Amino acid sequence: MTIPKVLLLLGLAALTPGPAAAQQSAAQRADASMTFFVTSANPGRGGDLGGLAGADAHCGALAAAVGAGNRSWRAYLSTQGANAVNARDRIGAGPWRNARGEVIARDLAELHGEAANLTKQTALTERGEVVSGRGDTPNNHDILTGSQVDGTAFAGAEDRTCRNWTSGGEGSAMVGHSDRIGLRDDAPSKSWNTSHPTRGCGMEALRSTGGAGLFYCFATN
C-alpha cells in the first residue's frame, strides 16, 4: 500500500525533535559534568526547607530534572546548636563544575578562598541560567547558607539558619551573594556565602533584602 505523501511528511515531522526538545537534550548532555548549581527555585516555604534532609532532596530533584540525578547531591547549609553541622563538611572534596562544565573550585580550600571562581556568570542554576543579581529586577542574589566565611556553623543563640531550616516565618538566616556584589566595596558584600542575615524566614522577608530562598547544591561524587 502506498502511503500518501502528506501522511509520510507528518510522520517524519513527529519523529523529528523540535527546538525545545533539542535544547533540553543539549542541556542534559552539558549537565553530565555538573557537580554544582544554585537552585532555580525555593521549595515554597521560605526558610523552611524541611531541614537538611528536605534541602538535599530538593537538590536531588532539581538535578534529576535536568538529567543529573545519578549523583549524590547535598545542600550547602550549616545548622546550629547541639551537633551543629558545617556546610563545608557536607559537600565532598571537589572539584566542582557548573552546568556549563566550568570549574568553580578545585577543592575546599579554593572554594573558601579568594580564588573561588564564583561570579554572576558562573554561579548558575541547574538549568544553566544566570541568577538575577544587584541591578536586576528582581534581585535574587541572596543565597541561603547559614554559614561563616570558612563554611562552618555559627555559635551562639542568635538564629542564622531559620531554626535549622524548619522555619518559614520567624527567625533569620545568613546569606551570601551569588554575584558577589553588594551595597559596599567590602568583604561581606563580595562574599558568596556570608554577606548578611535576612529580615525573616518567610518568602516576603527573604525578598525584601534581595533573595528568593535559593541555595547552593554540590555533588559529593
N, C-alpha and C. Protein backbone atom coordinates (compact mmCIF):
# COMPACT_ATOMS: atom_id res chain seq x y z
N MET A 1 0.85 -1.19 0.00
CA MET A 1 0.00 0.00 0.00
C MET A 1 0.89 1.24 0.00
N THR A 2 0.58 2.17 -0.86
CA THR A 2 1.35 3.41 -0.95
C THR A 2 0.85 4.41 0.08
N ILE A 3 1.79 4.93 0.89
CA ILE A 3 1.42 5.91 1.90
C ILE A 3 1.35 7.28 1.26
N PRO A 4 0.23 7.98 1.41
CA PRO A 4 0.12 9.33 0.84
C PRO A 4 1.26 10.21 1.32
N LYS A 5 1.76 11.06 0.43
CA LYS A 5 2.92 11.89 0.73
C LYS A 5 2.70 12.77 1.95
N VAL A 6 1.51 13.34 2.09
CA VAL A 6 1.24 14.24 3.21
C VAL A 6 1.32 13.50 4.54
N LEU A 7 0.85 12.22 4.56
CA LEU A 7 0.92 11.45 5.80
C LEU A 7 2.36 11.10 6.13
N LEU A 8 3.17 10.80 5.08
CA LEU A 8 4.56 10.48 5.29
C LEU A 8 5.32 11.66 5.89
N LEU A 9 5.04 12.86 5.37
CA LEU A 9 5.70 14.06 5.88
C LEU A 9 5.31 14.34 7.32
N LEU A 10 4.02 14.13 7.64
CA LEU A 10 3.57 14.33 9.01
C LEU A 10 4.25 13.36 9.96
N GLY A 11 4.41 12.12 9.51
CA GLY A 11 5.06 11.12 10.34
C GLY A 11 6.50 11.46 10.61
N LEU A 12 7.21 11.93 9.56
CA LEU A 12 8.60 12.32 9.74
C LEU A 12 8.73 13.50 10.68
N ALA A 13 7.78 14.44 10.59
CA ALA A 13 7.81 15.61 11.46
C ALA A 13 7.63 15.21 12.91
N ALA A 14 6.77 14.21 13.13
CA ALA A 14 6.52 13.77 14.50
C ALA A 14 7.74 13.10 15.10
N LEU A 15 8.55 12.45 14.23
CA LEU A 15 9.74 11.75 14.71
C LEU A 15 10.93 12.67 14.89
N THR A 16 10.87 13.88 14.32
CA THR A 16 11.98 14.82 14.38
C THR A 16 11.85 15.71 15.60
N PRO A 17 12.84 15.75 16.50
CA PRO A 17 12.75 16.59 17.69
C PRO A 17 12.61 18.05 17.33
N GLY A 18 11.70 18.73 18.00
CA GLY A 18 11.52 20.16 17.80
C GLY A 18 12.59 20.95 18.52
N PRO A 19 12.62 22.29 18.37
CA PRO A 19 13.64 23.11 19.02
C PRO A 19 13.70 22.93 20.53
N ALA A 20 12.54 22.87 21.19
CA ALA A 20 12.51 22.74 22.65
C ALA A 20 13.13 21.42 23.09
N ALA A 21 12.77 20.34 22.39
CA ALA A 21 13.31 19.03 22.74
C ALA A 21 14.81 18.98 22.50
N ALA A 22 15.25 19.60 21.39
CA ALA A 22 16.68 19.62 21.08
C ALA A 22 17.45 20.39 22.13
N GLN A 23 16.89 21.53 22.58
CA GLN A 23 17.55 22.33 23.60
C GLN A 23 17.62 21.57 24.91
N GLN A 24 16.54 20.86 25.27
CA GLN A 24 16.54 20.09 26.51
C GLN A 24 17.59 18.99 26.45
N SER A 25 17.67 18.31 25.29
CA SER A 25 18.66 17.25 25.15
C SER A 25 20.07 17.80 25.28
N ALA A 26 20.31 18.97 24.66
CA ALA A 26 21.63 19.58 24.73
C ALA A 26 21.97 19.96 26.16
N ALA A 27 20.96 20.48 26.88
CA ALA A 27 21.18 20.86 28.27
C ALA A 27 21.54 19.65 29.11
N GLN A 28 20.87 18.53 28.86
CA GLN A 28 21.15 17.33 29.62
C GLN A 28 22.56 16.82 29.33
N ARG A 29 22.99 16.90 28.07
CA ARG A 29 24.35 16.47 27.74
C ARG A 29 25.37 17.38 28.43
N ALA A 30 25.10 18.67 28.46
CA ALA A 30 26.02 19.61 29.08
C ALA A 30 26.11 19.37 30.58
N ASP A 31 25.03 18.88 31.15
CA ASP A 31 24.98 18.68 32.60
C ASP A 31 25.74 17.43 33.06
N ALA A 32 26.29 16.66 32.15
CA ALA A 32 26.95 15.41 32.53
C ALA A 32 28.08 15.62 33.51
N SER A 33 28.77 16.76 33.43
CA SER A 33 29.88 17.03 34.33
C SER A 33 29.49 17.95 35.48
N MET A 34 28.23 18.36 35.54
CA MET A 34 27.79 19.32 36.55
C MET A 34 27.85 18.73 37.95
N THR A 35 28.53 19.42 38.85
CA THR A 35 28.61 19.00 40.25
C THR A 35 28.31 20.16 41.19
N PHE A 36 27.79 21.25 40.66
CA PHE A 36 27.44 22.43 41.45
C PHE A 36 26.34 23.20 40.75
N PHE A 37 25.40 23.71 41.52
CA PHE A 37 24.43 24.66 40.95
C PHE A 37 23.74 25.43 42.06
N VAL A 38 23.12 26.54 41.67
CA VAL A 38 22.23 27.29 42.55
C VAL A 38 20.81 26.82 42.22
N THR A 39 20.02 26.54 43.22
CA THR A 39 18.66 26.08 42.95
C THR A 39 17.89 27.12 42.13
N SER A 40 17.15 26.68 41.16
CA SER A 40 16.37 27.60 40.33
C SER A 40 15.13 28.10 41.05
N ALA A 41 14.75 27.43 42.13
CA ALA A 41 13.55 27.82 42.88
C ALA A 41 13.64 27.33 44.31
N ASN A 42 12.93 27.99 45.19
CA ASN A 42 12.77 27.56 46.58
C ASN A 42 11.69 26.49 46.62
N PRO A 43 11.76 25.55 47.55
CA PRO A 43 10.69 24.53 47.64
C PRO A 43 9.31 25.12 47.88
N GLY A 44 9.24 26.37 48.37
CA GLY A 44 7.94 27.02 48.51
C GLY A 44 7.58 27.49 49.89
N ARG A 45 8.48 27.24 50.88
CA ARG A 45 8.16 27.63 52.25
C ARG A 45 9.25 28.52 52.85
N GLY A 46 9.93 29.28 52.02
CA GLY A 46 10.96 30.18 52.52
C GLY A 46 12.09 29.44 53.18
N GLY A 47 12.40 29.83 54.44
CA GLY A 47 13.49 29.20 55.17
C GLY A 47 13.18 27.83 55.69
N ASP A 48 11.93 27.42 55.59
CA ASP A 48 11.57 26.05 55.98
C ASP A 48 11.83 25.13 54.78
N LEU A 49 12.97 24.50 54.82
CA LEU A 49 13.39 23.62 53.72
C LEU A 49 13.16 22.15 54.06
N GLY A 50 12.52 21.91 55.20
CA GLY A 50 12.38 20.53 55.65
C GLY A 50 13.65 20.01 56.26
N GLY A 51 14.42 20.93 56.89
CA GLY A 51 15.70 20.53 57.46
C GLY A 51 16.72 20.22 56.38
N LEU A 52 17.86 19.72 56.78
CA LEU A 52 18.89 19.37 55.80
C LEU A 52 18.42 18.28 54.85
N ALA A 53 17.67 17.32 55.37
CA ALA A 53 17.19 16.23 54.52
C ALA A 53 16.28 16.75 53.42
N GLY A 54 15.40 17.68 53.76
CA GLY A 54 14.50 18.25 52.77
C GLY A 54 15.25 19.07 51.73
N ALA A 55 16.26 19.81 52.18
CA ALA A 55 17.06 20.61 51.25
C ALA A 55 17.84 19.71 50.30
N ASP A 56 18.42 18.64 50.83
CA ASP A 56 19.15 17.69 49.98
C ASP A 56 18.22 17.06 48.95
N ALA A 57 17.01 16.73 49.37
CA ALA A 57 16.05 16.12 48.45
C ALA A 57 15.68 17.09 47.34
N HIS A 58 15.57 18.38 47.68
CA HIS A 58 15.26 19.39 46.66
C HIS A 58 16.39 19.49 45.65
N CYS A 59 17.63 19.48 46.14
CA CYS A 59 18.79 19.48 45.24
C CYS A 59 18.72 18.29 44.29
N GLY A 60 18.44 17.12 44.85
CA GLY A 60 18.39 15.91 44.04
C GLY A 60 17.30 15.94 43.00
N ALA A 61 16.14 16.47 43.37
CA ALA A 61 15.02 16.53 42.44
C ALA A 61 15.31 17.49 41.29
N LEU A 62 15.89 18.64 41.59
CA LEU A 62 16.22 19.60 40.54
C LEU A 62 17.29 19.03 39.61
N ALA A 63 18.27 18.36 40.18
CA ALA A 63 19.33 17.75 39.37
C ALA A 63 18.76 16.67 38.46
N ALA A 64 17.87 15.85 39.00
CA ALA A 64 17.27 14.77 38.21
C ALA A 64 16.47 15.32 37.04
N ALA A 65 15.84 16.48 37.24
CA ALA A 65 15.01 17.07 36.18
C ALA A 65 15.82 17.50 34.97
N VAL A 66 17.15 17.68 35.15
CA VAL A 66 17.99 18.06 34.01
C VAL A 66 18.99 16.95 33.66
N GLY A 67 18.68 15.74 34.11
CA GLY A 67 19.50 14.60 33.73
C GLY A 67 20.74 14.38 34.56
N ALA A 68 20.81 14.98 35.76
CA ALA A 68 21.99 14.83 36.61
C ALA A 68 21.64 14.15 37.92
N GLY A 69 20.66 13.28 37.88
CA GLY A 69 20.21 12.62 39.10
C GLY A 69 21.03 11.41 39.50
N ASN A 70 22.10 11.12 38.77
CA ASN A 70 22.93 9.95 39.09
C ASN A 70 24.02 10.26 40.11
N ARG A 71 23.99 11.48 40.68
CA ARG A 71 24.97 11.87 41.67
C ARG A 71 24.30 12.03 43.03
N SER A 72 25.11 12.07 44.09
CA SER A 72 24.60 12.34 45.43
C SER A 72 24.72 13.83 45.70
N TRP A 73 23.59 14.51 45.81
CA TRP A 73 23.56 15.96 45.94
C TRP A 73 23.32 16.38 47.38
N ARG A 74 24.05 17.42 47.84
CA ARG A 74 23.90 17.95 49.18
C ARG A 74 23.78 19.47 49.13
N ALA A 75 22.92 20.01 49.97
CA ALA A 75 22.76 21.45 50.07
C ALA A 75 23.91 22.04 50.89
N TYR A 76 24.41 23.18 50.46
CA TYR A 76 25.46 23.87 51.20
C TYR A 76 24.78 24.70 52.30
N LEU A 77 24.52 24.05 53.43
CA LEU A 77 23.83 24.66 54.56
C LEU A 77 24.44 24.17 55.86
N SER A 78 24.61 25.09 56.79
CA SER A 78 25.04 24.72 58.14
C SER A 78 23.84 24.71 59.07
N THR A 79 23.99 24.07 60.22
CA THR A 79 22.98 24.13 61.27
C THR A 79 23.64 24.66 62.55
N GLN A 80 22.83 24.91 63.56
CA GLN A 80 23.33 25.46 64.82
C GLN A 80 22.89 24.60 66.01
N GLY A 81 23.49 24.89 67.17
CA GLY A 81 23.10 24.20 68.39
C GLY A 81 23.83 22.89 68.57
N ALA A 82 23.20 22.01 69.37
CA ALA A 82 23.81 20.70 69.64
C ALA A 82 24.00 19.94 68.33
N ASN A 83 25.17 19.34 68.19
CA ASN A 83 25.51 18.58 66.98
C ASN A 83 25.41 19.42 65.71
N ALA A 84 25.84 20.67 65.81
CA ALA A 84 25.81 21.57 64.65
C ALA A 84 26.59 20.97 63.48
N VAL A 85 26.09 21.22 62.29
CA VAL A 85 26.70 20.69 61.06
C VAL A 85 27.32 21.85 60.29
N ASN A 86 28.52 21.66 59.79
CA ASN A 86 29.20 22.64 58.95
C ASN A 86 28.89 22.37 57.48
N ALA A 87 28.50 23.41 56.76
CA ALA A 87 28.19 23.25 55.34
C ALA A 87 29.37 22.64 54.58
N ARG A 88 30.58 23.07 54.90
CA ARG A 88 31.76 22.60 54.17
C ARG A 88 31.99 21.11 54.34
N ASP A 89 31.48 20.53 55.41
CA ASP A 89 31.68 19.11 55.66
C ASP A 89 30.67 18.23 54.93
N ARG A 90 29.73 18.85 54.22
CA ARG A 90 28.65 18.08 53.61
C ARG A 90 28.84 17.85 52.11
N ILE A 91 29.80 18.54 51.49
CA ILE A 91 29.76 18.67 50.03
C ILE A 91 30.87 17.93 49.29
N GLY A 92 31.61 17.06 49.98
CA GLY A 92 32.66 16.33 49.30
C GLY A 92 33.95 17.12 49.22
N ALA A 93 34.85 16.68 48.37
CA ALA A 93 36.19 17.26 48.30
C ALA A 93 36.45 18.06 47.04
N GLY A 94 35.54 18.02 46.05
CA GLY A 94 35.76 18.72 44.80
C GLY A 94 36.54 17.86 43.81
N PRO A 95 36.83 18.36 42.63
CA PRO A 95 36.45 19.69 42.14
C PRO A 95 34.96 19.76 41.78
N TRP A 96 34.47 21.01 41.62
CA TRP A 96 33.05 21.21 41.29
C TRP A 96 32.93 22.03 40.02
N ARG A 97 32.00 21.61 39.17
CA ARG A 97 31.76 22.28 37.90
C ARG A 97 30.31 22.73 37.80
N ASN A 98 30.09 23.85 37.14
CA ASN A 98 28.73 24.34 36.95
C ASN A 98 28.08 23.68 35.74
N ALA A 99 26.89 24.13 35.38
CA ALA A 99 26.13 23.49 34.31
C ALA A 99 26.78 23.65 32.94
N ARG A 100 27.76 24.54 32.80
CA ARG A 100 28.48 24.68 31.54
C ARG A 100 29.82 23.95 31.58
N GLY A 101 30.08 23.23 32.67
CA GLY A 101 31.32 22.50 32.78
C GLY A 101 32.49 23.32 33.27
N GLU A 102 32.23 24.57 33.70
CA GLU A 102 33.31 25.43 34.19
C GLU A 102 33.62 25.10 35.65
N VAL A 103 34.90 25.00 35.97
CA VAL A 103 35.31 24.70 37.33
C VAL A 103 35.12 25.93 38.20
N ILE A 104 34.35 25.77 39.29
CA ILE A 104 34.17 26.90 40.21
C ILE A 104 35.13 26.80 41.39
N ALA A 105 35.62 25.61 41.67
CA ALA A 105 36.66 25.42 42.70
C ALA A 105 37.20 24.00 42.59
N ARG A 106 38.49 23.85 42.83
CA ARG A 106 39.11 22.53 42.74
C ARG A 106 39.01 21.74 44.03
N ASP A 107 38.93 22.47 45.15
CA ASP A 107 38.85 21.79 46.45
C ASP A 107 38.25 22.75 47.47
N LEU A 108 38.13 22.29 48.71
CA LEU A 108 37.50 23.09 49.76
C LEU A 108 38.29 24.37 50.06
N ALA A 109 39.60 24.28 50.03
CA ALA A 109 40.42 25.46 50.31
C ALA A 109 40.19 26.54 49.26
N GLU A 110 40.16 26.15 48.00
CA GLU A 110 39.94 27.12 46.94
C GLU A 110 38.51 27.68 47.00
N LEU A 111 37.56 26.82 47.30
CA LEU A 111 36.16 27.26 47.37
C LEU A 111 35.98 28.34 48.42
N HIS A 112 36.68 28.22 49.54
CA HIS A 112 36.51 29.16 50.64
C HIS A 112 37.62 30.22 50.67
N GLY A 113 38.33 30.36 49.57
CA GLY A 113 39.39 31.35 49.48
C GLY A 113 39.12 32.37 48.39
N GLU A 114 40.08 33.24 48.18
CA GLU A 114 39.94 34.32 47.20
C GLU A 114 39.87 33.80 45.76
N ALA A 115 40.40 32.60 45.53
CA ALA A 115 40.49 32.09 44.16
C ALA A 115 39.21 31.41 43.67
N ALA A 116 38.18 31.31 44.51
CA ALA A 116 36.94 30.66 44.09
C ALA A 116 36.37 31.34 42.86
N ASN A 117 36.04 30.54 41.86
CA ASN A 117 35.52 31.08 40.60
C ASN A 117 33.99 31.17 40.66
N LEU A 118 33.51 31.96 41.58
CA LEU A 118 32.07 32.16 41.74
C LEU A 118 31.73 33.61 41.46
N THR A 119 31.00 33.83 40.38
CA THR A 119 30.58 35.16 39.95
C THR A 119 29.15 35.05 39.43
N LYS A 120 28.60 36.15 39.01
CA LYS A 120 27.25 36.12 38.44
C LYS A 120 27.21 35.23 37.20
N GLN A 121 28.32 35.19 36.47
CA GLN A 121 28.36 34.41 35.22
C GLN A 121 28.63 32.93 35.44
N THR A 122 29.12 32.56 36.62
CA THR A 122 29.46 31.14 36.85
C THR A 122 28.58 30.47 37.90
N ALA A 123 27.96 31.24 38.80
CA ALA A 123 27.06 30.66 39.81
C ALA A 123 25.69 30.45 39.18
N LEU A 124 25.61 29.41 38.35
CA LEU A 124 24.43 29.16 37.53
C LEU A 124 23.47 28.18 38.19
N THR A 125 22.22 28.21 37.75
CA THR A 125 21.25 27.24 38.22
C THR A 125 21.50 25.90 37.54
N GLU A 126 20.75 24.88 37.96
CA GLU A 126 20.88 23.56 37.35
C GLU A 126 20.51 23.57 35.87
N ARG A 127 19.78 24.59 35.44
CA ARG A 127 19.40 24.73 34.03
C ARG A 127 20.43 25.51 33.23
N GLY A 128 21.48 25.95 33.90
CA GLY A 128 22.49 26.76 33.22
C GLY A 128 22.12 28.21 33.11
N GLU A 129 21.17 28.65 33.93
CA GLU A 129 20.70 30.03 33.87
C GLU A 129 21.43 30.90 34.88
N VAL A 130 21.62 32.17 34.53
CA VAL A 130 22.22 33.15 35.43
C VAL A 130 21.19 33.56 36.47
N VAL A 131 21.61 33.65 37.73
CA VAL A 131 20.73 34.12 38.81
C VAL A 131 20.73 35.64 38.78
N SER A 132 19.56 36.25 38.76
CA SER A 132 19.49 37.71 38.74
C SER A 132 20.16 38.28 39.98
N GLY A 133 20.87 39.39 39.81
CA GLY A 133 21.64 39.96 40.90
C GLY A 133 21.40 41.44 41.08
N ARG A 134 22.34 42.08 41.76
CA ARG A 134 22.20 43.50 42.02
C ARG A 134 22.11 44.28 40.72
N GLY A 135 21.09 45.14 40.62
CA GLY A 135 20.85 45.91 39.40
C GLY A 135 19.78 45.29 38.52
N ASP A 136 19.42 44.02 38.80
CA ASP A 136 18.36 43.34 38.06
C ASP A 136 17.04 43.43 38.81
N THR A 137 15.96 43.21 38.10
CA THR A 137 14.64 43.16 38.73
C THR A 137 13.98 41.84 38.36
N PRO A 138 13.71 40.96 39.35
CA PRO A 138 14.07 41.13 40.76
C PRO A 138 15.53 40.77 41.02
N ASN A 139 16.02 41.21 42.16
CA ASN A 139 17.36 40.84 42.61
C ASN A 139 17.24 39.60 43.50
N ASN A 140 17.80 38.49 43.06
CA ASN A 140 17.70 37.22 43.82
C ASN A 140 19.06 36.71 44.27
N HIS A 141 20.02 37.62 44.45
CA HIS A 141 21.39 37.15 44.73
C HIS A 141 21.62 36.68 46.16
N ASP A 142 20.68 36.89 47.08
CA ASP A 142 20.83 36.38 48.45
C ASP A 142 20.62 34.87 48.46
N ILE A 143 21.68 34.13 48.77
CA ILE A 143 21.63 32.67 48.75
C ILE A 143 21.76 32.14 50.18
N LEU A 144 20.80 31.34 50.62
CA LEU A 144 20.81 30.80 51.97
C LEU A 144 22.02 29.89 52.20
N THR A 145 22.73 30.13 53.31
CA THR A 145 23.86 29.26 53.67
C THR A 145 23.91 28.96 55.16
N GLY A 146 23.54 29.92 56.00
CA GLY A 146 23.65 29.73 57.44
C GLY A 146 25.08 29.52 57.89
N SER A 147 26.03 30.02 57.12
CA SER A 147 27.43 29.67 57.35
C SER A 147 28.34 30.88 57.49
N GLN A 148 29.46 30.65 58.16
CA GLN A 148 30.52 31.64 58.23
C GLN A 148 31.37 31.56 56.96
N VAL A 149 32.30 32.50 56.82
CA VAL A 149 33.07 32.60 55.59
C VAL A 149 33.86 31.34 55.29
N ASP A 150 34.26 30.59 56.31
CA ASP A 150 35.02 29.36 56.09
C ASP A 150 34.13 28.14 55.93
N GLY A 151 32.82 28.36 55.89
CA GLY A 151 31.88 27.26 55.68
C GLY A 151 31.48 26.54 56.94
N THR A 152 31.80 27.11 58.11
CA THR A 152 31.44 26.47 59.37
C THR A 152 30.19 27.10 59.97
N ALA A 153 29.61 26.41 60.94
CA ALA A 153 28.38 26.85 61.59
C ALA A 153 28.64 28.03 62.53
N PHE A 154 27.60 28.80 62.78
CA PHE A 154 27.66 29.88 63.76
C PHE A 154 27.45 29.33 65.17
N ALA A 155 28.21 29.85 66.11
CA ALA A 155 28.00 29.52 67.51
C ALA A 155 27.03 30.53 68.11
N GLY A 156 26.55 30.27 69.32
CA GLY A 156 25.67 31.21 69.98
C GLY A 156 24.22 30.95 69.67
N ALA A 157 23.36 31.75 70.33
CA ALA A 157 21.91 31.53 70.23
C ALA A 157 21.25 32.35 69.11
N GLU A 158 21.96 33.32 68.55
CA GLU A 158 21.37 34.16 67.51
C GLU A 158 21.11 33.33 66.25
N ASP A 159 19.86 33.30 65.83
CA ASP A 159 19.48 32.42 64.72
C ASP A 159 20.11 32.89 63.42
N ARG A 160 20.80 31.99 62.76
CA ARG A 160 21.38 32.25 61.43
C ARG A 160 21.01 31.14 60.44
N THR A 161 20.05 30.29 60.84
CA THR A 161 19.69 29.15 59.99
C THR A 161 18.18 28.92 59.90
N CYS A 162 17.37 29.96 60.14
CA CYS A 162 15.91 29.78 60.13
C CYS A 162 15.51 28.54 60.93
N ARG A 163 16.06 28.52 62.17
CA ARG A 163 15.78 27.41 63.09
C ARG A 163 16.12 26.06 62.46
N ASN A 164 17.35 26.04 61.98
CA ASN A 164 17.87 24.82 61.33
C ASN A 164 16.99 24.38 60.16
N TRP A 165 16.59 25.39 59.40
CA TRP A 165 15.88 25.20 58.13
C TRP A 165 14.51 24.55 58.31
N THR A 166 13.84 24.96 59.41
CA THR A 166 12.49 24.45 59.67
C THR A 166 11.48 25.57 59.85
N SER A 167 11.92 26.84 59.74
CA SER A 167 11.02 27.97 59.93
C SER A 167 10.81 28.74 58.64
N GLY A 168 9.54 28.94 58.31
CA GLY A 168 9.18 29.76 57.16
C GLY A 168 8.56 31.07 57.60
N GLY A 169 8.82 31.45 58.86
CA GLY A 169 8.26 32.68 59.39
C GLY A 169 9.26 33.42 60.24
N GLU A 170 9.26 33.15 61.54
CA GLU A 170 10.18 33.82 62.45
C GLU A 170 11.60 33.27 62.29
N GLY A 171 12.55 34.13 62.70
CA GLY A 171 13.94 33.72 62.63
C GLY A 171 14.70 34.51 61.58
N SER A 172 15.91 34.06 61.30
CA SER A 172 16.78 34.73 60.33
C SER A 172 17.79 33.72 59.80
N ALA A 173 18.35 34.02 58.66
CA ALA A 173 19.37 33.14 58.08
C ALA A 173 20.49 33.97 57.49
N MET A 174 21.70 33.47 57.57
CA MET A 174 22.82 34.11 56.90
C MET A 174 22.76 33.76 55.42
N VAL A 175 23.01 34.77 54.58
CA VAL A 175 23.03 34.56 53.14
C VAL A 175 24.34 35.08 52.55
N GLY A 176 24.69 34.56 51.40
CA GLY A 176 25.80 35.08 50.63
C GLY A 176 25.28 35.68 49.34
N HIS A 177 26.12 36.38 48.62
CA HIS A 177 25.74 37.00 47.34
C HIS A 177 26.29 36.18 46.18
N SER A 178 25.42 35.59 45.40
CA SER A 178 25.88 34.74 44.29
C SER A 178 26.63 35.54 43.23
N ASP A 179 26.32 36.84 43.10
CA ASP A 179 27.03 37.68 42.13
C ASP A 179 28.23 38.39 42.75
N ARG A 180 28.38 38.24 44.09
CA ARG A 180 29.48 38.82 44.84
C ARG A 180 29.54 40.34 44.70
N ILE A 181 28.33 40.94 44.69
CA ILE A 181 28.20 42.39 44.63
C ILE A 181 27.20 42.81 45.70
N GLY A 182 27.54 43.87 46.45
CA GLY A 182 26.64 44.36 47.48
C GLY A 182 26.56 45.87 47.48
N LEU A 183 26.10 46.41 48.60
CA LEU A 183 25.95 47.85 48.71
C LEU A 183 27.28 48.56 48.93
N ARG A 184 28.27 47.82 49.42
CA ARG A 184 29.57 48.43 49.74
C ARG A 184 30.70 47.64 49.07
N ASP A 185 31.86 48.27 49.05
CA ASP A 185 33.04 47.62 48.50
C ASP A 185 33.83 47.00 49.65
N ASP A 186 33.21 45.96 50.27
CA ASP A 186 33.86 45.31 51.39
C ASP A 186 33.72 43.80 51.25
N ALA A 187 34.42 43.08 52.13
CA ALA A 187 34.45 41.61 52.04
C ALA A 187 33.07 40.97 52.16
N PRO A 188 32.24 41.36 53.13
CA PRO A 188 30.91 40.73 53.23
C PRO A 188 30.08 40.93 51.97
N SER A 189 30.11 42.10 51.39
CA SER A 189 29.32 42.37 50.18
C SER A 189 29.75 41.48 49.02
N LYS A 190 31.04 41.12 49.02
CA LYS A 190 31.58 40.32 47.93
C LYS A 190 31.62 38.82 48.24
N SER A 191 31.07 38.44 49.39
CA SER A 191 31.14 37.04 49.80
C SER A 191 29.99 36.22 49.21
N TRP A 192 30.32 35.05 48.70
CA TRP A 192 29.29 34.18 48.12
C TRP A 192 28.54 33.40 49.19
N ASN A 193 29.11 33.35 50.44
CA ASN A 193 28.46 32.51 51.45
C ASN A 193 28.15 33.19 52.78
N THR A 194 28.65 34.39 53.03
CA THR A 194 28.32 35.05 54.30
C THR A 194 28.35 36.57 54.15
N SER A 195 27.24 37.13 53.70
CA SER A 195 27.14 38.57 53.47
C SER A 195 26.36 39.29 54.56
N HIS A 196 25.16 38.79 54.89
CA HIS A 196 24.32 39.45 55.89
C HIS A 196 23.17 38.53 56.27
N PRO A 197 22.54 38.75 57.44
CA PRO A 197 21.36 37.96 57.82
C PRO A 197 20.10 38.50 57.14
N THR A 198 19.12 37.65 56.99
CA THR A 198 17.84 38.06 56.41
C THR A 198 16.97 38.74 57.46
N ARG A 199 15.90 39.38 57.02
CA ARG A 199 14.97 40.05 57.93
C ARG A 199 13.95 39.08 58.52
N GLY A 200 13.90 37.90 58.03
CA GLY A 200 12.98 36.89 58.50
C GLY A 200 13.16 35.65 57.66
N CYS A 201 12.25 34.68 57.83
CA CYS A 201 12.39 33.42 57.11
C CYS A 201 11.25 33.15 56.13
N GLY A 202 10.24 34.02 56.09
CA GLY A 202 9.18 33.87 55.10
C GLY A 202 9.63 34.40 53.75
N MET A 203 8.94 34.03 52.70
CA MET A 203 9.35 34.44 51.36
C MET A 203 9.39 35.95 51.20
N GLU A 204 8.41 36.66 51.76
CA GLU A 204 8.41 38.12 51.63
C GLU A 204 9.60 38.73 52.35
N ALA A 205 9.94 38.21 53.53
CA ALA A 205 11.10 38.71 54.26
C ALA A 205 12.38 38.43 53.48
N LEU A 206 12.48 37.28 52.85
CA LEU A 206 13.67 36.95 52.06
C LEU A 206 13.77 37.86 50.84
N ARG A 207 12.65 38.14 50.21
CA ARG A 207 12.65 39.02 49.03
C ARG A 207 13.05 40.45 49.39
N SER A 208 12.73 40.86 50.61
CA SER A 208 12.93 42.26 50.99
C SER A 208 14.39 42.68 51.01
N THR A 209 15.30 41.74 51.12
CA THR A 209 16.72 42.08 51.10
C THR A 209 17.41 41.59 49.82
N GLY A 210 16.66 41.00 48.91
CA GLY A 210 17.26 40.60 47.63
C GLY A 210 17.42 39.12 47.45
N GLY A 211 16.43 38.34 47.88
CA GLY A 211 16.55 36.89 47.74
C GLY A 211 15.26 36.22 47.38
N ALA A 212 15.35 34.96 47.00
CA ALA A 212 14.17 34.16 46.67
C ALA A 212 14.23 32.81 47.36
N GLY A 213 15.02 32.73 48.43
CA GLY A 213 15.13 31.46 49.16
C GLY A 213 15.91 30.40 48.41
N LEU A 214 16.83 30.82 47.56
CA LEU A 214 17.64 29.86 46.80
C LEU A 214 18.82 29.40 47.65
N PHE A 215 19.42 28.26 47.29
CA PHE A 215 20.60 27.79 47.99
C PHE A 215 21.50 27.02 47.04
N TYR A 216 22.73 26.78 47.48
CA TYR A 216 23.72 26.10 46.66
C TYR A 216 23.61 24.59 46.83
N CYS A 217 23.82 23.86 45.75
CA CYS A 217 23.85 22.39 45.78
C CYS A 217 25.17 21.89 45.21
N PHE A 218 25.77 20.92 45.89
CA PHE A 218 27.05 20.34 45.45
C PHE A 218 26.91 18.82 45.37
N ALA A 219 27.55 18.23 44.39
CA ALA A 219 27.59 16.78 44.28
C ALA A 219 28.79 16.26 45.05
N THR A 220 28.59 15.21 45.82
CA THR A 220 29.68 14.65 46.61
C THR A 220 30.43 13.56 45.85
N ASN A 221 29.96 13.20 44.66
CA ASN A 221 30.64 12.17 43.87
C ASN A 221 30.64 12.52 42.40
